[in-house]
Amino acid sequence: MPSLSPATFRPAIRTLLSTCALSLSLGTLAHAELEINQATEAQLDSLLHVGPALSQKILSQRQQSPFADWPDLIRRVPGIGPRRARQLSHQGLTVQGQAYPGTPQPESDKP
């Protein structure tokens, strides 16, 4: 088995540590609560399954009036249906502080 020289070993360790740190921060961000009625464009864009076009639709509708609940969001924003709502809720998106009905909550949030 070949031995690793310090010159080879250090970059490998650095890459491993960076990957671990990124995984931990993404795991934390994935379940951080984000209220749709206060979220910024950048926060919305950071969610999986939300790109700039969908963020703009959300912000445009929110400017007319805040979202009352998940059915209101689904009705007013083309591109968000029950499946996408569940995906977004699983990432921590809420409407009036509520998760999408039936979305499992992260283990850390359970009593």
N, C-alpha and C. Protein backbone atom coordinates (compact mmCIF):
# COMPACT_ATOMS: atom_id res chain seq x y z
N MET A 1 0.84 -1.17 0.00
CA MET A 1 0.00 0.00 0.00
C MET A 1 0.88 1.24 0.00
N PRO A 2 0.66 2.19 -0.92
CA PRO A 2 1.50 3.38 -0.98
C PRO A 2 1.21 4.28 0.22
N SER A 3 2.26 4.95 0.67
CA SER A 3 2.09 5.87 1.81
C SER A 3 1.77 7.26 1.26
N LEU A 4 1.03 8.01 2.04
CA LEU A 4 0.68 9.38 1.65
C LEU A 4 1.72 10.34 2.20
N SER A 5 2.21 11.18 1.34
CA SER A 5 3.14 12.21 1.80
C SER A 5 2.33 13.35 2.41
N PRO A 6 2.93 14.17 3.26
CA PRO A 6 2.19 15.30 3.83
C PRO A 6 1.61 16.21 2.75
N ALA A 7 2.30 16.34 1.64
CA ALA A 7 1.81 17.21 0.56
C ALA A 7 0.52 16.66 -0.04
N THR A 8 0.35 15.35 -0.06
CA THR A 8 -0.86 14.73 -0.59
C THR A 8 -1.94 14.65 0.49
N PHE A 9 -1.53 14.40 1.71
CA PHE A 9 -2.46 14.18 2.81
C PHE A 9 -3.22 15.45 3.21
N ARG A 10 -2.53 16.59 3.30
CA ARG A 10 -3.17 17.83 3.74
C ARG A 10 -4.34 18.27 2.85
N PRO A 11 -4.17 18.32 1.51
CA PRO A 11 -5.32 18.70 0.68
C PRO A 11 -6.49 17.72 0.80
N ALA A 12 -6.19 16.44 0.96
CA ALA A 12 -7.25 15.45 1.11
C ALA A 12 -8.03 15.70 2.39
N ILE A 13 -7.34 15.96 3.47
CA ILE A 13 -8.00 16.25 4.76
C ILE A 13 -8.79 17.55 4.66
N ARG A 14 -8.22 18.55 4.03
CA ARG A 14 -8.90 19.84 3.87
C ARG A 14 -10.21 19.66 3.09
N THR A 15 -10.16 18.87 2.01
CA THR A 15 -11.35 18.61 1.21
C THR A 15 -12.40 17.85 2.04
N LEU A 16 -11.96 16.86 2.79
CA LEU A 16 -12.87 16.09 3.63
C LEU A 16 -13.53 16.98 4.68
N LEU A 17 -12.76 17.82 5.34
CA LEU A 17 -13.32 18.71 6.35
C LEU A 17 -14.29 19.72 5.74
N SER A 18 -13.96 20.26 4.58
CA SER A 18 -14.85 21.20 3.90
C SER A 18 -16.17 20.53 3.54
N THR A 19 -16.08 19.30 3.05
CA THR A 19 -17.29 18.56 2.67
C THR A 19 -18.16 18.30 3.90
N CYS A 20 -17.54 17.93 5.01
CA CYS A 20 -18.30 17.68 6.25
C CYS A 20 -18.96 18.97 6.73
N ALA A 21 -18.23 20.07 6.71
CA ALA A 21 -18.79 21.35 7.18
C ALA A 21 -19.95 21.77 6.29
N LEU A 22 -19.81 21.61 4.98
CA LEU A 22 -20.88 21.97 4.06
C LEU A 22 -22.11 21.09 4.30
N SER A 23 -21.91 19.80 4.49
CA SER A 23 -23.03 18.89 4.76
C SER A 23 -23.77 19.28 6.02
N LEU A 24 -23.02 19.62 7.07
CA LEU A 24 -23.66 20.02 8.32
C LEU A 24 -24.44 21.31 8.16
N SER A 25 -23.88 22.29 7.46
CA SER A 25 -24.59 23.56 7.30
C SER A 25 -25.80 23.40 6.40
N LEU A 26 -25.73 22.58 5.36
CA LEU A 26 -26.89 22.35 4.51
C LEU A 26 -27.97 21.60 5.27
N GLY A 27 -27.59 20.66 6.11
CA GLY A 27 -28.57 19.95 6.92
C GLY A 27 -29.29 20.89 7.86
N THR A 28 -28.58 21.83 8.42
CA THR A 28 -29.19 22.81 9.32
C THR A 28 -30.10 23.75 8.54
N LEU A 29 -29.64 24.22 7.40
CA LEU A 29 -30.44 25.13 6.60
C LEU A 29 -31.67 24.46 6.02
N ALA A 30 -31.56 23.18 5.73
CA ALA A 30 -32.68 22.49 5.10
C ALA A 30 -33.91 22.46 6.00
N HIS A 31 -33.71 22.56 7.32
CA HIS A 31 -34.84 22.47 8.23
C HIS A 31 -35.05 23.74 9.04
N ALA A 32 -34.38 24.82 8.65
CA ALA A 32 -34.60 26.09 9.33
C ALA A 32 -35.94 26.65 8.88
N GLU A 33 -36.72 27.16 9.81
CA GLU A 33 -38.03 27.69 9.45
C GLU A 33 -37.89 28.96 8.64
N LEU A 34 -38.65 29.06 7.57
CA LEU A 34 -38.65 30.22 6.70
C LEU A 34 -40.09 30.57 6.38
N GLU A 35 -40.55 31.70 6.88
CA GLU A 35 -41.93 32.16 6.67
C GLU A 35 -42.04 32.81 5.30
N ILE A 36 -42.93 32.29 4.47
CA ILE A 36 -43.06 32.78 3.10
C ILE A 36 -43.48 34.24 3.04
N ASN A 37 -44.21 34.71 4.01
CA ASN A 37 -44.67 36.10 4.00
C ASN A 37 -43.59 37.10 4.41
N GLN A 38 -42.43 36.61 4.84
CA GLN A 38 -41.32 37.50 5.16
C GLN A 38 -40.03 37.16 4.41
N ALA A 39 -40.00 36.04 3.71
CA ALA A 39 -38.78 35.59 3.04
C ALA A 39 -38.34 36.56 1.95
N THR A 40 -37.03 36.73 1.84
CA THR A 40 -36.46 37.55 0.78
C THR A 40 -36.35 36.73 -0.50
N GLU A 41 -36.11 37.40 -1.59
CA GLU A 41 -35.92 36.70 -2.87
C GLU A 41 -34.77 35.71 -2.77
N ALA A 42 -33.67 36.13 -2.15
CA ALA A 42 -32.51 35.25 -2.01
C ALA A 42 -32.84 34.02 -1.16
N GLN A 43 -33.61 34.21 -0.10
CA GLN A 43 -34.00 33.06 0.73
C GLN A 43 -34.88 32.10 -0.05
N LEU A 44 -35.81 32.62 -0.81
CA LEU A 44 -36.67 31.76 -1.62
C LEU A 44 -35.85 31.02 -2.67
N ASP A 45 -34.93 31.74 -3.33
CA ASP A 45 -34.07 31.12 -4.35
C ASP A 45 -33.20 30.01 -3.78
N SER A 46 -32.90 30.09 -2.49
CA SER A 46 -32.02 29.09 -1.88
C SER A 46 -32.72 27.75 -1.66
N LEU A 47 -34.03 27.73 -1.76
CA LEU A 47 -34.79 26.49 -1.58
C LEU A 47 -34.69 25.62 -2.82
N LEU A 48 -34.62 24.31 -2.62
CA LEU A 48 -34.67 23.39 -3.76
C LEU A 48 -36.05 23.50 -4.39
N HIS A 49 -36.12 23.37 -5.67
CA HIS A 49 -37.36 23.43 -6.45
C HIS A 49 -37.92 24.84 -6.56
N VAL A 50 -37.12 25.85 -6.20
CA VAL A 50 -37.54 27.24 -6.39
C VAL A 50 -36.41 27.96 -7.12
N GLY A 51 -36.72 28.49 -8.28
CA GLY A 51 -35.75 29.26 -9.03
C GLY A 51 -36.20 30.70 -9.08
N PRO A 52 -35.47 31.52 -9.81
CA PRO A 52 -35.82 32.94 -9.90
C PRO A 52 -37.24 33.21 -10.40
N ALA A 53 -37.71 32.44 -11.37
CA ALA A 53 -39.06 32.68 -11.91
C ALA A 53 -40.13 32.41 -10.86
N LEU A 54 -40.00 31.31 -10.14
CA LEU A 54 -40.98 31.00 -9.11
C LEU A 54 -40.90 31.98 -7.94
N SER A 55 -39.69 32.38 -7.59
CA SER A 55 -39.52 33.40 -6.53
C SER A 55 -40.26 34.68 -6.91
N GLN A 56 -40.14 35.08 -8.16
CA GLN A 56 -40.80 36.30 -8.61
C GLN A 56 -42.32 36.17 -8.55
N LYS A 57 -42.84 35.00 -8.92
CA LYS A 57 -44.29 34.77 -8.83
C LYS A 57 -44.75 34.88 -7.38
N ILE A 58 -43.99 34.27 -6.48
CA ILE A 58 -44.34 34.32 -5.05
C ILE A 58 -44.33 35.75 -4.55
N LEU A 59 -43.25 36.49 -4.85
CA LEU A 59 -43.13 37.86 -4.37
C LEU A 59 -44.21 38.76 -4.97
N SER A 60 -44.53 38.55 -6.23
CA SER A 60 -45.56 39.35 -6.89
C SER A 60 -46.92 39.13 -6.23
N GLN A 61 -47.27 37.89 -5.97
CA GLN A 61 -48.54 37.60 -5.32
C GLN A 61 -48.55 38.08 -3.87
N ARG A 62 -47.43 37.94 -3.19
CA ARG A 62 -47.34 38.38 -1.80
C ARG A 62 -47.48 39.89 -1.69
N GLN A 63 -47.01 40.61 -2.71
CA GLN A 63 -47.13 42.06 -2.71
C GLN A 63 -48.59 42.49 -2.75
N GLN A 64 -49.43 41.72 -3.42
CA GLN A 64 -50.87 42.02 -3.48
C GLN A 64 -51.52 41.81 -2.11
N SER A 65 -51.16 40.71 -1.45
CA SER A 65 -51.61 40.44 -0.08
C SER A 65 -50.85 39.23 0.45
N PRO A 66 -50.61 39.20 1.77
CA PRO A 66 -49.91 38.04 2.35
C PRO A 66 -50.69 36.75 2.11
N PHE A 67 -49.99 35.65 2.08
CA PHE A 67 -50.64 34.35 1.92
C PHE A 67 -51.31 33.98 3.23
N ALA A 68 -52.57 33.60 3.15
CA ALA A 68 -53.35 33.27 4.35
C ALA A 68 -53.03 31.87 4.87
N ASP A 69 -52.79 30.94 3.94
CA ASP A 69 -52.53 29.55 4.30
C ASP A 69 -51.98 28.83 3.07
N TRP A 70 -51.69 27.55 3.21
CA TRP A 70 -51.14 26.79 2.09
C TRP A 70 -52.10 26.71 0.90
N PRO A 71 -53.39 26.46 1.12
CA PRO A 71 -54.29 26.45 -0.04
C PRO A 71 -54.30 27.78 -0.79
N ASP A 72 -54.18 28.88 -0.06
CA ASP A 72 -54.12 30.20 -0.70
C ASP A 72 -52.86 30.31 -1.56
N LEU A 73 -51.74 29.87 -1.04
CA LEU A 73 -50.48 29.88 -1.80
C LEU A 73 -50.60 29.03 -3.06
N ILE A 74 -51.12 27.83 -2.92
CA ILE A 74 -51.27 26.91 -4.05
C ILE A 74 -52.21 27.50 -5.11
N ARG A 75 -53.27 28.13 -4.67
CA ARG A 75 -54.25 28.73 -5.60
C ARG A 75 -53.66 29.91 -6.36
N ARG A 76 -52.85 30.72 -5.70
CA ARG A 76 -52.38 31.98 -6.29
C ARG A 76 -51.06 31.89 -7.05
N VAL A 77 -50.25 30.89 -6.77
CA VAL A 77 -48.92 30.82 -7.40
C VAL A 77 -48.84 29.63 -8.35
N PRO A 78 -48.88 29.89 -9.66
CA PRO A 78 -48.71 28.80 -10.63
C PRO A 78 -47.34 28.16 -10.43
N GLY A 79 -47.30 26.84 -10.46
CA GLY A 79 -46.04 26.13 -10.26
C GLY A 79 -45.92 25.55 -8.87
N ILE A 80 -46.84 25.92 -7.98
CA ILE A 80 -46.86 25.31 -6.65
C ILE A 80 -48.17 24.55 -6.51
N GLY A 81 -48.03 23.25 -6.41
CA GLY A 81 -49.16 22.37 -6.16
C GLY A 81 -48.90 21.62 -4.87
N PRO A 82 -49.71 20.66 -4.54
CA PRO A 82 -49.52 19.93 -3.29
C PRO A 82 -48.15 19.26 -3.16
N ARG A 83 -47.66 18.68 -4.24
CA ARG A 83 -46.35 18.00 -4.17
C ARG A 83 -45.23 19.00 -3.89
N ARG A 84 -45.21 20.09 -4.64
CA ARG A 84 -44.16 21.10 -4.43
C ARG A 84 -44.32 21.73 -3.05
N ALA A 85 -45.54 21.97 -2.61
CA ALA A 85 -45.78 22.54 -1.28
C ALA A 85 -45.19 21.63 -0.21
N ARG A 86 -45.40 20.33 -0.35
CA ARG A 86 -44.85 19.37 0.61
C ARG A 86 -43.32 19.42 0.61
N GLN A 87 -42.72 19.49 -0.59
CA GLN A 87 -41.26 19.56 -0.70
C GLN A 87 -40.72 20.82 -0.03
N LEU A 88 -41.39 21.94 -0.27
CA LEU A 88 -40.94 23.21 0.32
C LEU A 88 -41.12 23.21 1.82
N SER A 89 -42.23 22.67 2.28
CA SER A 89 -42.48 22.61 3.72
C SER A 89 -41.45 21.73 4.40
N HIS A 90 -41.07 20.64 3.76
CA HIS A 90 -40.06 19.75 4.33
C HIS A 90 -38.72 20.47 4.51
N GLN A 91 -38.48 21.48 3.67
CA GLN A 91 -37.25 22.27 3.80
C GLN A 91 -37.37 23.36 4.85
N GLY A 92 -38.55 23.53 5.42
CA GLY A 92 -38.74 24.51 6.48
C GLY A 92 -39.62 25.68 6.12
N LEU A 93 -40.15 25.72 4.89
CA LEU A 93 -41.01 26.83 4.49
C LEU A 93 -42.35 26.72 5.22
N THR A 94 -42.82 27.84 5.75
CA THR A 94 -44.11 27.88 6.43
C THR A 94 -44.97 28.97 5.82
N VAL A 95 -46.28 28.84 6.02
CA VAL A 95 -47.24 29.88 5.65
C VAL A 95 -47.99 30.21 6.94
N GLN A 96 -47.88 31.44 7.38
CA GLN A 96 -48.48 31.86 8.65
C GLN A 96 -48.01 30.95 9.79
N GLY A 97 -46.72 30.56 9.72
CA GLY A 97 -46.12 29.74 10.77
C GLY A 97 -46.48 28.27 10.73
N GLN A 98 -47.24 27.84 9.72
CA GLN A 98 -47.70 26.46 9.64
C GLN A 98 -46.99 25.69 8.53
N ALA A 99 -46.60 24.46 8.84
CA ALA A 99 -46.06 23.55 7.83
C ALA A 99 -47.22 23.06 6.96
N TYR A 100 -46.88 22.58 5.77
CA TYR A 100 -47.91 22.01 4.90
C TYR A 100 -48.48 20.77 5.60
N PRO A 101 -49.80 20.61 5.63
CA PRO A 101 -50.40 19.47 6.32
C PRO A 101 -49.83 18.13 5.84
N GLY A 102 -49.47 17.31 6.80
CA GLY A 102 -48.96 15.98 6.49
C GLY A 102 -47.47 15.93 6.24
N THR A 103 -46.77 17.06 6.35
CA THR A 103 -45.32 17.08 6.14
C THR A 103 -44.63 16.62 7.42
N PRO A 104 -43.79 15.57 7.33
CA PRO A 104 -43.07 15.15 8.53
C PRO A 104 -42.10 16.24 8.97
N GLN A 105 -42.06 16.48 10.25
CA GLN A 105 -41.16 17.49 10.80
C GLN A 105 -39.83 16.87 11.15
N PRO A 106 -38.74 17.66 11.10
CA PRO A 106 -37.41 17.13 11.44
C PRO A 106 -37.41 16.56 12.85
N GLU A 107 -36.57 15.55 13.06
CA GLU A 107 -36.46 14.90 14.37
C GLU A 107 -36.14 15.89 15.48
N SER A 108 -35.28 16.88 15.19
CA SER A 108 -34.85 17.83 16.22
C SER A 108 -36.00 18.70 16.71
N ASP A 109 -37.08 18.84 15.92
CA ASP A 109 -38.20 19.67 16.31
C ASP A 109 -39.24 18.92 17.14
N LYS A 110 -39.14 17.59 17.19
CA LYS A 110 -40.12 16.81 17.92
C LYS A 110 -39.80 16.83 19.41
N PRO A 111 -40.83 16.88 20.28
CA PRO A 111 -40.59 16.92 21.72
C PRO A 111 -40.02 15.64 22.26
